[in-house]
């Protein structure tokens, strides 16, 4: 059974209480017993002291590299559930940052040598992994500020990637990677492909030597792993790009999601969260007869069984600031643009009693760009902000 959306309540000191119904919130506001703190999501704060009877709430997190499911339940009902969609753009932004940095340094006549700025701190994680992990923690903390959560349970994974690729691996073979016994990657690829081009199937010659090609390009998130490399003739490599024959190459599984889950498992352990594994969630979900979704998995992880359910919400991770190059003739200093317009992508505007979905502002905020058409900001009759579907 599905129930209506709840209104989040804070006490006089700003601590979370149990959510209430929209009707009760309207009554409290009308009687000046509460005030509105936030619209998206809708949060009220009491202006008078109360008994503050709090039920025990449990939060379940279905962790993942692309989507994060969450669900908060009590003994009788589910308070909130949904899915957070991650943006997957950290690598792209780091490449842009690298471009700005190199251009800035190339404009300098002389730069002092630096030798001690490459040390990695203890517990260092790759930037893309660190941001995804921070997003999980930020989601948990934001829910704790709205709901009196007593217990947090997170689903983690423990993947043996080497066992997946080679079921017969054992013992010391775990310490010997795919390149063990080979001089370099090219020598390994020659042995793996039996000295033949993956496109034409012929061996190399003096006039047509081999070239190493990234099956998934670096700009699209491909790695330098040997699984992502193909052995091609130089002529075949040019032909591949010229005639767009990328679909002829076999794409190997990269196991990025499995690697991410292996890394963050220990991080969640350090924070003291309760951990469960995917196979446990799979069994419990099938017993309850629930569909395979991230929010249903989170409901099972939190300990849900016969509680009244709520409509799930969809959150999209949003990048707040952009990196821009200020065209200052005296210095060309790159900076982070922190100015934000009132109308953001995903908002709804009404022009001539017609609803339009915005994709942003331009021309110094005087015009709004919609999915179907662009308008001047003065033509807007009504705005409906959808900040609740974004997470940053």
Protein backbone atom coordinates (compact mmCIF):
# COMPACT_ATOMS: atom_id res chain seq x y z
CA UNK A 1 0.00 0.00 0.00
CA UNK A 2 1.31 3.47 -0.90
CA UNK A 3 0.75 6.51 1.32
CA UNK A 4 1.12 10.22 0.63
CA UNK A 5 4.32 12.23 0.87
CA UNK A 6 5.41 13.30 4.35
CA UNK A 7 6.45 16.73 5.63
CA UNK A 8 9.72 16.77 7.57
CA UNK A 9 9.63 18.34 11.03
CA UNK A 10 12.38 19.87 13.18
CA UNK A 11 12.04 20.75 16.83
CA UNK A 12 12.73 24.16 18.33
CA UNK A 13 16.47 23.33 18.56
CA UNK A 14 16.66 22.17 14.93
CA UNK A 15 16.79 18.44 15.69
CA UNK A 16 14.69 16.08 13.51
CA UNK A 17 11.35 14.73 14.69
CA UNK A 18 8.98 12.25 13.09
CA UNK A 19 7.49 13.57 9.80
CA UNK A 20 3.85 14.60 9.70
CA UNK A 21 1.13 14.76 7.06
CA UNK A 22 0.75 17.83 4.78
CA UNK A 23 -2.59 18.63 6.42
CA UNK A 24 -1.10 18.69 9.92
CA UNK A 25 1.75 20.87 8.68
CA UNK A 26 -0.72 23.40 7.25
CA UNK A 27 -2.56 23.52 10.58
CA UNK A 28 0.66 24.08 12.55
CA UNK A 29 1.77 26.87 10.22
CA UNK A 30 -1.66 28.54 10.29
CA UNK A 31 -1.66 28.51 14.12
CA UNK A 32 1.90 29.93 14.18
CA UNK A 33 3.16 26.82 15.94
CA UNK A 34 5.63 26.11 13.12
CA UNK A 35 7.46 27.95 10.37
CA UNK A 36 8.67 26.88 6.94
CA UNK A 37 12.43 26.25 6.79
CA UNK A 38 12.79 24.75 3.34
CA UNK A 39 10.55 24.18 0.35
CA UNK A 40 12.49 21.46 -1.49
CA UNK A 41 12.03 19.13 0.34
CA UNK A 42 9.30 20.73 2.46
CA UNK A 43 10.61 21.16 6.02
CA UNK A 44 8.97 22.95 8.94
CA UNK A 45 10.38 23.87 12.36
CA UNK A 46 8.29 24.02 15.51
CA UNK A 47 8.26 27.29 17.43
CA UNK A 48 7.14 25.64 20.68
CA UNK A 49 8.64 22.87 22.79
CA UNK A 50 6.95 19.46 22.56
CA UNK A 51 7.22 16.03 24.13
CA UNK A 52 9.28 14.85 21.15
CA UNK A 53 8.23 11.21 21.01
CA UNK A 54 10.48 9.60 18.39
CA UNK A 55 10.11 6.18 16.80
CA UNK A 56 13.10 4.07 15.86
CA UNK A 57 13.90 4.70 12.19
CA UNK A 58 16.17 2.54 10.06
CA UNK A 59 17.93 3.63 6.87
CA UNK A 60 18.89 1.20 4.11
CA UNK A 61 21.38 2.15 1.39
CA UNK A 62 21.79 0.17 -1.82
CA UNK A 63 25.26 1.42 -2.73
CA UNK A 64 26.46 1.52 -6.31
CA UNK A 65 28.79 3.22 -8.79
CA UNK A 66 25.95 4.63 -10.94
CA UNK A 67 22.79 4.56 -8.82
CA UNK A 68 22.20 4.68 -5.06
CA UNK A 69 18.96 3.40 -3.58
CA UNK A 70 17.72 4.59 -0.17
CA UNK A 71 14.78 3.82 2.09
CA UNK A 72 13.86 4.89 5.64
CA UNK A 73 11.33 2.80 7.55
CA UNK A 74 9.72 2.47 10.96
CA UNK A 75 7.94 -0.58 12.39
CA UNK A 76 4.70 0.30 10.59
CA UNK A 77 5.51 2.38 7.49
CA UNK A 78 8.11 3.62 5.08
CA UNK A 79 8.92 7.34 5.43
CA UNK A 80 10.90 8.00 2.25
CA UNK A 81 12.50 6.00 -0.55
CA UNK A 82 14.08 6.70 -3.90
CA UNK A 83 17.07 6.47 -6.19
CA UNK A 84 20.00 8.86 -6.54
CA UNK A 85 21.50 8.92 -10.06
CA UNK A 86 25.21 9.82 -10.11
CA UNK A 87 26.48 12.04 -12.93
CA UNK A 88 29.64 10.04 -13.92
CA UNK A 89 31.54 13.14 -15.07
CA UNK A 90 34.49 13.34 -12.66
CA UNK A 91 37.01 12.05 -15.22
CA UNK A 92 35.76 14.52 -17.83
CA UNK A 93 36.08 17.45 -15.42
CA UNK A 94 39.59 16.41 -14.38
CA UNK A 95 40.60 16.40 -18.04
CA UNK A 96 39.22 19.92 -18.41
CA UNK A 97 41.06 21.01 -15.26
CA UNK A 98 44.27 19.54 -16.66
CA UNK A 99 43.82 21.52 -19.87
CA UNK A 100 43.40 24.81 -17.99
CA UNK A 101 46.41 24.06 -15.78
CA UNK A 102 48.70 23.27 -18.71
CA UNK A 103 47.62 26.36 -20.63
CA UNK A 104 48.25 28.49 -17.57
CA UNK A 105 51.72 27.08 -17.01
CA UNK A 106 52.67 27.42 -20.67
CA UNK A 107 52.06 31.15 -20.42
CA UNK A 108 54.65 31.52 -17.66
CA UNK A 109 58.23 32.43 -18.59
CA UNK A 110 59.64 30.64 -15.59
CA UNK A 111 58.16 28.39 -12.96
CA UNK A 112 59.96 27.38 -9.78
CA UNK A 113 60.67 23.63 -9.54
CA UNK A 114 58.44 21.67 -7.20
CA UNK A 115 59.44 18.24 -6.00
CA UNK A 116 57.34 17.50 -2.92
CA UNK A 117 53.82 18.12 -4.23
CA UNK A 118 53.08 14.61 -5.49
CA UNK A 119 52.74 12.79 -2.16
CA UNK A 120 49.43 11.01 -1.60
CA UNK A 121 47.91 11.16 1.86
CA UNK A 122 46.95 8.08 3.85
CA UNK A 123 43.64 6.64 2.73
CA UNK A 124 43.90 8.29 -0.70
CA UNK A 125 41.30 7.21 -3.25
CA UNK A 126 41.06 7.97 -6.97
CA UNK A 127 39.07 11.21 -7.45
CA UNK A 128 36.14 9.53 -9.21
CA UNK A 129 35.86 6.88 -6.46
CA UNK A 130 36.26 9.49 -3.71
CA UNK A 131 33.47 11.67 -5.11
CA UNK A 132 31.07 8.74 -5.42
CA UNK A 133 31.85 7.64 -1.87
CA UNK A 134 31.42 11.21 -0.58
CA UNK A 135 28.03 11.32 -2.32
CA UNK A 136 26.92 8.22 -0.40
CA UNK A 137 27.99 9.81 2.89
CA UNK A 138 26.39 13.15 1.99
CA UNK A 139 23.08 11.43 1.20
CA UNK A 140 23.13 9.63 4.56
CA UNK A 141 23.92 12.86 6.44
CA UNK A 142 21.17 14.81 4.67
CA UNK A 143 18.60 12.15 5.54
CA UNK A 144 19.79 12.17 9.16
CA UNK A 145 19.16 15.93 9.33
CA UNK A 146 15.53 15.41 8.32
CA UNK A 147 14.62 12.12 10.02
CA UNK A 148 15.67 10.73 13.45
CA UNK A 149 17.56 7.73 12.05
CA UNK A 150 18.98 5.34 14.66
CA UNK A 151 20.42 2.61 12.44
CA UNK A 152 22.13 2.69 9.01
CA UNK A 153 22.59 -0.47 6.94
CA UNK A 154 24.58 -0.46 3.70
CA UNK A 155 24.76 -3.15 1.04
CA UNK A 156 28.32 -3.79 -0.13
CA UNK A 157 29.97 -6.22 -2.51
CA UNK A 158 33.01 -8.44 -2.37
CA UNK A 159 34.09 -9.34 -5.91
CA UNK A 160 37.03 -11.55 -6.84
CA UNK A 161 37.69 -10.12 -10.30
CA UNK A 162 40.63 -12.43 -10.98
CA UNK A 163 38.42 -15.43 -10.15
CA UNK A 164 35.73 -14.13 -12.50
CA UNK A 165 38.20 -13.94 -15.37
CA UNK A 166 39.99 -17.18 -14.51
CA UNK A 167 37.92 -19.63 -12.41
CA UNK A 168 40.94 -21.95 -12.04
CA UNK A 169 43.24 -19.36 -10.43
CA UNK A 170 44.62 -20.24 -7.00
CA UNK A 171 47.51 -19.65 -4.63
CA UNK A 172 50.49 -17.64 -5.85
CA UNK A 173 48.77 -17.02 -9.20
CA UNK A 174 46.85 -14.19 -7.52
CA UNK A 175 50.16 -12.30 -7.28
CA UNK A 176 50.99 -12.92 -10.92
CA UNK A 177 48.96 -10.65 -13.17
CA UNK A 178 48.13 -11.14 -16.83
CA UNK A 179 51.46 -9.57 -17.83
CA UNK A 180 53.53 -11.97 -15.73
CA UNK A 181 56.28 -13.47 -17.91
CA UNK A 182 55.93 -10.91 -20.73
CA UNK A 183 58.35 -8.10 -21.52
CA UNK A 184 55.65 -5.47 -22.13
CA UNK A 185 52.00 -5.03 -23.07
CA UNK A 186 52.66 -5.36 -26.79
CA UNK A 187 54.39 -8.70 -26.26
CA UNK A 188 51.38 -9.87 -24.22
CA UNK A 189 48.94 -8.76 -26.94
CA UNK A 190 50.98 -10.53 -29.59
CA UNK A 191 50.70 -13.77 -27.62
CA UNK A 192 47.00 -13.27 -26.82
CA UNK A 193 46.06 -12.63 -30.47
CA UNK A 194 48.48 -15.22 -31.87
CA UNK A 195 50.33 -12.47 -33.71
CA UNK A 196 47.28 -11.49 -35.83
CA UNK A 197 45.41 -8.23 -36.34
CA UNK A 198 42.01 -8.17 -34.64
CA UNK A 199 40.42 -6.40 -37.62
CA UNK A 200 41.71 -8.30 -40.67
CA UNK A 201 43.06 -11.45 -39.00
CA UNK A 202 46.42 -11.30 -40.78
CA UNK A 203 49.95 -11.28 -39.41
CA UNK A 204 52.21 -8.23 -39.50
CA UNK A 205 54.74 -7.43 -42.23
CA UNK A 206 57.54 -4.94 -42.80
CA UNK A 207 55.16 -2.55 -44.57
CA UNK A 208 52.29 -3.01 -42.16
CA UNK A 209 53.40 -3.10 -38.52
CA UNK A 210 51.23 -3.47 -35.47
CA UNK A 211 49.62 -0.59 -33.55
CA UNK A 212 47.96 -0.70 -30.12
CA UNK A 213 44.41 0.72 -30.09
CA UNK A 214 42.09 1.57 -27.16
CA UNK A 215 38.80 -0.27 -27.71
CA UNK A 216 37.00 2.20 -25.43
CA UNK A 217 38.73 5.54 -25.94
CA UNK A 218 40.27 7.36 -23.02
CA UNK A 219 37.88 10.29 -23.39
CA UNK A 220 34.92 7.88 -23.02
CA UNK A 221 36.26 6.40 -19.79
CA UNK A 222 38.46 3.64 -21.21
CA UNK A 223 41.55 2.56 -19.30
CA UNK A 224 45.07 1.42 -20.24
CA UNK A 225 44.29 -2.09 -19.06
CA UNK A 226 45.27 -4.85 -21.46
CA UNK A 227 41.59 -5.85 -21.60
CA UNK A 228 40.85 -2.52 -23.27
CA UNK A 229 43.65 -2.79 -25.85
CA UNK A 230 43.45 -4.23 -29.35
CA UNK A 231 46.28 -5.21 -31.68
CA UNK A 232 45.80 -3.68 -35.14
CA UNK A 233 47.88 -3.07 -38.24
CA UNK A 234 48.74 0.60 -38.78
CA UNK A 235 46.71 0.58 -42.02
CA UNK A 236 43.82 -1.20 -40.28
CA UNK A 237 43.98 1.33 -37.45
CA UNK A 238 43.58 4.22 -39.90
CA UNK A 239 40.80 2.34 -41.69
CA UNK A 240 39.04 1.75 -38.36
CA UNK A 241 38.85 5.47 -37.57
CA UNK A 242 38.12 6.53 -41.15
CA UNK A 243 35.25 4.09 -41.77
CA UNK A 244 33.96 4.01 -38.17
CA UNK A 245 34.40 0.24 -37.73
CA UNK A 246 34.50 0.29 -33.91
CA UNK A 247 31.68 -2.23 -33.59
CA UNK A 248 33.90 -4.92 -35.17
CA UNK A 249 36.17 -4.98 -32.13
CA UNK A 250 35.18 -7.05 -29.12
CA UNK A 251 34.67 -4.91 -26.03
CA UNK A 252 35.92 -6.54 -22.87
CA UNK A 253 34.23 -6.04 -19.50
CA UNK A 254 36.12 -3.42 -17.45
CA UNK A 255 34.69 -4.27 -13.96
CA UNK A 256 34.71 -0.62 -12.87
CA UNK A 257 31.60 -1.06 -10.73
CA UNK A 258 33.01 -4.19 -9.07
CA UNK A 259 36.29 -2.42 -8.32
CA UNK A 260 34.40 0.53 -6.79
CA UNK A 261 32.40 -1.79 -4.54
CA UNK A 262 35.55 -3.55 -3.36
CA UNK A 263 37.16 -0.21 -2.44
CA UNK A 264 34.30 1.38 -0.51
CA UNK A 265 33.53 -1.73 1.51
CA UNK A 266 36.37 -1.02 3.95
CA UNK A 267 35.42 2.68 4.09
CA UNK A 268 31.91 1.86 5.27
CA UNK A 269 33.36 -0.56 7.83
CA UNK A 270 35.53 2.22 9.26
CA UNK A 271 32.43 4.42 9.73
CA UNK A 272 30.71 1.70 11.77
CA UNK A 273 27.69 1.09 9.49
CA UNK A 274 25.92 -2.26 9.44
CA UNK A 275 26.88 -4.15 6.28
CA UNK A 276 24.93 -6.68 4.25
CA UNK A 277 25.76 -8.40 0.97
CA UNK A 278 23.93 -8.60 -2.32
CA UNK A 279 22.99 -12.27 -2.07
CA UNK A 280 21.17 -11.62 1.22
CA UNK A 281 19.16 -8.81 -0.38
CA UNK A 282 18.40 -11.01 -3.39
CA UNK A 283 16.90 -13.78 -1.24
CA UNK A 284 14.81 -11.44 0.96
CA UNK A 285 13.51 -9.46 -2.02
CA UNK A 286 12.33 -12.64 -3.75
CA UNK A 287 10.59 -13.80 -0.58
CA UNK A 288 8.68 -10.50 -0.45
CA UNK A 289 7.93 -10.71 -4.19
CA UNK A 290 9.33 -7.25 -4.95
CA UNK A 291 10.56 -6.02 -8.31
CA UNK A 292 14.30 -5.54 -8.80
CA UNK A 293 14.83 -1.78 -8.27
CA UNK A 294 17.31 0.23 -6.24
CA UNK A 295 14.67 1.58 -3.85
CA UNK A 296 13.15 -1.87 -3.35
CA UNK A 297 16.60 -3.25 -2.55
CA UNK A 298 17.11 -0.40 -0.06
CA UNK A 299 13.72 -1.21 1.53
CA UNK A 300 14.83 -4.81 2.06
CA UNK A 301 18.26 -3.70 3.33
CA UNK A 302 16.67 -1.44 5.94
CA UNK A 303 14.73 -4.42 7.30
CA UNK A 304 11.42 -3.76 5.58
CA UNK A 305 8.77 -6.45 5.25
CA UNK A 306 5.08 -5.47 5.48
CA UNK A 307 5.39 -1.70 6.07
CA UNK A 308 3.22 0.74 4.13
CA UNK A 309 5.22 2.01 1.16
CA UNK A 310 5.58 5.54 -0.23
CA UNK A 311 6.04 6.73 -3.79
CA UNK A 312 9.78 6.66 -4.63
CA UNK A 313 11.52 9.88 -5.63
CA UNK A 314 14.29 10.29 -8.21
CA UNK A 315 17.31 12.44 -7.34
CA UNK A 316 19.87 13.52 -9.93
CA UNK A 317 23.36 14.55 -8.92
CA UNK A 318 24.04 18.07 -10.08
CA UNK A 319 27.36 19.88 -10.46
CA UNK A 320 26.91 23.30 -8.86
CA UNK A 321 29.98 25.17 -10.14
CA UNK A 322 31.73 25.30 -13.52
CA UNK A 323 35.34 25.93 -14.38
CA UNK A 324 35.76 28.94 -16.69
CA UNK A 325 38.59 31.01 -18.11
CA UNK A 326 38.31 34.70 -17.29
CA UNK A 327 39.48 36.68 -20.30
CA UNK A 328 41.56 39.08 -18.25
CA UNK A 329 44.23 40.48 -20.57
CA UNK A 330 46.59 41.12 -17.67
CA UNK A 331 46.67 37.59 -16.36
CA UNK A 332 44.25 35.12 -18.04
CA UNK A 333 43.39 33.67 -14.64
CA UNK A 334 41.12 30.59 -14.70
CA UNK A 335 38.56 30.44 -11.93
CA UNK A 336 35.51 28.61 -10.65
CA UNK A 337 32.24 30.24 -11.65
CA UNK A 338 30.03 30.27 -8.57
CA UNK A 339 27.28 32.59 -9.76
CA UNK A 340 23.98 30.74 -9.99
CA UNK A 341 20.86 31.96 -11.67
CA UNK A 342 17.45 31.60 -10.03
CA UNK A 343 16.22 29.41 -12.89
CA UNK A 344 18.11 26.13 -13.02
CA UNK A 345 17.96 23.19 -15.45
CA UNK A 346 14.88 21.04 -14.89
CA UNK A 347 12.67 23.88 -13.59
CA UNK A 348 9.22 24.46 -15.07
CA UNK A 349 8.21 27.87 -16.41
CA UNK A 350 4.82 28.98 -17.69
CA UNK A 351 4.64 31.30 -20.70
CA UNK A 352 1.24 32.14 -22.24
CA UNK A 353 -0.28 29.51 -19.92
CA UNK A 354 1.94 26.85 -21.48
CA UNK A 355 4.39 24.75 -19.49
CA UNK A 356 8.06 24.53 -20.58
CA UNK A 357 11.02 22.63 -19.11
CA UNK A 358 14.17 24.73 -18.77
CA UNK A 359 17.70 23.64 -19.57
CA UNK A 360 19.45 26.78 -18.25
CA UNK A 361 19.96 30.52 -18.65
CA UNK A 362 22.16 32.49 -21.03
CA UNK A 363 22.95 36.06 -22.05
CA UNK A 364 23.81 37.06 -18.45
CA UNK A 365 20.58 35.58 -17.14
CA UNK A 366 18.27 37.72 -19.31
CA UNK A 367 17.11 34.72 -21.39
CA UNK A 368 16.02 31.24 -20.47
CA UNK A 369 16.73 28.22 -22.66
CA UNK A 370 13.93 25.66 -22.75
CA UNK A 371 13.83 22.20 -24.26
CA UNK A 372 11.57 23.27 -27.11
CA UNK A 373 12.21 27.03 -27.42
CA UNK A 374 14.09 29.99 -25.90
CA UNK A 375 12.40 32.96 -24.22
CA UNK A 376 13.23 36.24 -22.61
CA UNK A 377 13.16 36.20 -18.83
CA UNK A 378 10.46 38.92 -18.75
CA UNK A 379 7.97 36.74 -20.59
CA UNK A 380 7.83 34.18 -17.78
CA UNK A 381 4.52 34.23 -15.93
CA UNK A 382 5.16 31.59 -13.29
CA UNK A 383 8.13 29.46 -12.15
CA UNK A 384 8.08 26.07 -10.46
CA UNK A 385 11.49 25.10 -9.08
CA UNK A 386 12.32 21.39 -9.00
CA UNK A 387 15.38 21.55 -6.78
CA UNK A 388 14.05 18.54 -4.90
CA UNK A 389 14.98 16.22 -7.78
CA UNK A 390 18.60 17.39 -7.76
CA UNK A 391 21.33 16.37 -5.37
CA UNK A 392 24.71 18.09 -5.17
